[in-house]
Amino acid sequence: MPSEMRFADVRAILERAGYQLVRVRGSHHVFEKAGQQICIIPVHRGKVKPAYVRQILKLAAEEPTDE
């Protein structure tokens, strides 16, 4: 089970997977990728909680499908 992760590392993972940070509202950072669902990550004290780390790792592992 993953533990807390630094936001800088989370952002790097998402950007390598093709997501872009499109806006920040308070502690919520919103990432988008064309043709995919948005990913909203709350960041507190520069850290991301384990539940969100699991979500991010799952998104990063998914291969794009050709439809």
C-alpha atoms as a PDB file:
ATOM      1  CA  MET A   1       0.000   0.000   0.000  1.00  0.00           C
ATOM      2  CA  PRO A   2       1.505   3.351  -1.007  1.00  0.00           C
ATOM      3  CA  SER A   3       2.160   5.982   1.598  1.00  0.00           C
ATOM      4  CA  GLU A   4       1.939   9.772   1.414  1.00  0.00           C
ATOM      5  CA  MET A   5       3.819  11.225  -1.522  1.00  0.00           C
ATOM      6  CA  ARG A   6       5.213  14.664  -2.260  1.00  0.00           C
ATOM      7  CA  PHE A   7       3.079  16.675  -4.657  1.00  0.00           C
ATOM      8  CA  ALA A   8       6.081  17.340  -6.908  1.00  0.00           C
ATOM      9  CA  ASP A   9       6.462  13.584  -7.441  1.00  0.00           C
ATOM     10  CA  VAL A  10       2.726  13.128  -8.056  1.00  0.00           C
ATOM     11  CA  ARG A  11       2.727  15.937 -10.595  1.00  0.00           C
ATOM     12  CA  ALA A  12       5.693  14.390 -12.413  1.00  0.00           C
ATOM     13  CA  ILE A  13       3.906  11.010 -12.621  1.00  0.00           C
ATOM     14  CA  LEU A  14       0.735  12.589 -14.012  1.00  0.00           C
ATOM     15  CA  GLU A  15       2.615  14.736 -16.521  1.00  0.00           C
ATOM     16  CA  ARG A  16       4.541  11.698 -17.806  1.00  0.00           C
ATOM     17  CA  ALA A  17       1.141   9.999 -18.271  1.00  0.00           C
ATOM     18  CA  GLY A  18      -0.001  12.935 -20.425  1.00  0.00           C
ATOM     19  CA  TYR A  19      -2.017  14.920 -17.873  1.00  0.00           C
ATOM     20  CA  GLN A  20      -1.683  18.705 -17.540  1.00  0.00           C
ATOM     21  CA  LEU A  21      -2.335  20.865 -14.504  1.00  0.00           C
ATOM     22  CA  VAL A  22      -5.136  23.149 -15.693  1.00  0.00           C
ATOM     23  CA  ARG A  23      -6.192  24.954 -12.532  1.00  0.00           C
ATOM     24  CA  VAL A  24      -5.761  25.212  -8.774  1.00  0.00           C
ATOM     25  CA  ARG A  25      -8.556  26.243  -6.467  1.00  0.00           C
ATOM     26  CA  GLY A  26      -7.545  26.290  -2.832  1.00  0.00           C
ATOM     27  CA  SER A  27      -5.866  22.974  -2.101  1.00  0.00           C
ATOM     28  CA  HIS A  28      -7.395  21.175  -5.094  1.00  0.00           C
ATOM     29  CA  HIS A  29      -5.179  20.724  -8.132  1.00  0.00           C
ATOM     30  CA  VAL A  30      -7.066  19.740 -11.293  1.00  0.00           C
ATOM     31  CA  PHE A  31      -5.333  17.716 -14.011  1.00  0.00           C
ATOM     32  CA  GLU A  32      -6.825  16.970 -17.436  1.00  0.00           C
ATOM     33  CA  LYS A  33      -5.935  14.735 -20.348  1.00  0.00           C
ATOM     34  CA  ALA A  34      -7.734  14.770 -23.694  1.00  0.00           C
ATOM     35  CA  GLY A  35     -10.281  11.979 -23.859  1.00  0.00           C
ATOM     36  CA  GLN A  36      -9.854  11.008 -20.197  1.00  0.00           C
ATOM     37  CA  GLN A  37     -11.618  11.896 -16.978  1.00  0.00           C
ATOM     38  CA  ILE A  38     -10.279  14.806 -14.952  1.00  0.00           C
ATOM     39  CA  CYS A  39      -8.163  14.058 -11.911  1.00  0.00           C
ATOM     40  CA  ILE A  40      -8.601  16.250  -8.831  1.00  0.00           C
ATOM     41  CA  ILE A  41      -5.867  15.991  -6.209  1.00  0.00           C
ATOM     42  CA  PRO A  42      -6.091  17.753  -2.833  1.00  0.00           C
ATOM     43  CA  VAL A  43      -2.672  18.817  -1.568  1.00  0.00           C
ATOM     44  CA  HIS A  44      -1.998  19.652   2.071  1.00  0.00           C
ATOM     45  CA  ARG A  45       1.424  20.743   3.333  1.00  0.00           C
ATOM     46  CA  GLY A  46       2.964  19.634   0.047  1.00  0.00           C
ATOM     47  CA  LYS A  47       1.788  16.026   0.462  1.00  0.00           C
ATOM     48  CA  VAL A  48      -0.820  13.833  -1.211  1.00  0.00           C
ATOM     49  CA  LYS A  49      -2.671  11.211   0.859  1.00  0.00           C
ATOM     50  CA  PRO A  50      -2.301   7.482   0.112  1.00  0.00           C
ATOM     51  CA  ALA A  51      -5.830   7.082  -1.320  1.00  0.00           C
ATOM     52  CA  TYR A  52      -5.029   9.648  -4.005  1.00  0.00           C
ATOM     53  CA  VAL A  53      -1.591   8.151  -4.635  1.00  0.00           C
ATOM     54  CA  ARG A  54      -3.311   4.827  -5.464  1.00  0.00           C
ATOM     55  CA  GLN A  55      -5.677   6.639  -7.851  1.00  0.00           C
ATOM     56  CA  ILE A  56      -2.756   8.378  -9.563  1.00  0.00           C
ATOM     57  CA  LEU A  57      -0.730   5.205  -9.947  1.00  0.00           C
ATOM     58  CA  LYS A  58      -3.760   3.489 -11.467  1.00  0.00           C
ATOM     59  CA  LEU A  59      -4.290   6.344 -13.945  1.00  0.00           C
ATOM     60  CA  ALA A  60      -0.604   6.347 -14.890  1.00  0.00           C
ATOM     61  CA  ALA A  61      -0.607   2.569 -15.470  1.00  0.00           C
ATOM     62  CA  GLU A  62      -3.611   2.630 -17.808  1.00  0.00           C
ATOM     63  CA  GLU A  63      -2.773   2.321 -21.466  1.00  0.00           C
ATOM     64  CA  PRO A  64      -4.687   4.544 -23.878  1.00  0.00           C
ATOM     65  CA  THR A  65      -7.198   2.583 -25.918  1.00  0.00           C
ATOM     66  CA  ASP A  66      -7.751   3.062 -29.623  1.00  0.00           C
ATOM     67  CA  GLU A  67     -11.465   3.287 -30.299  1.00  0.00           C
END
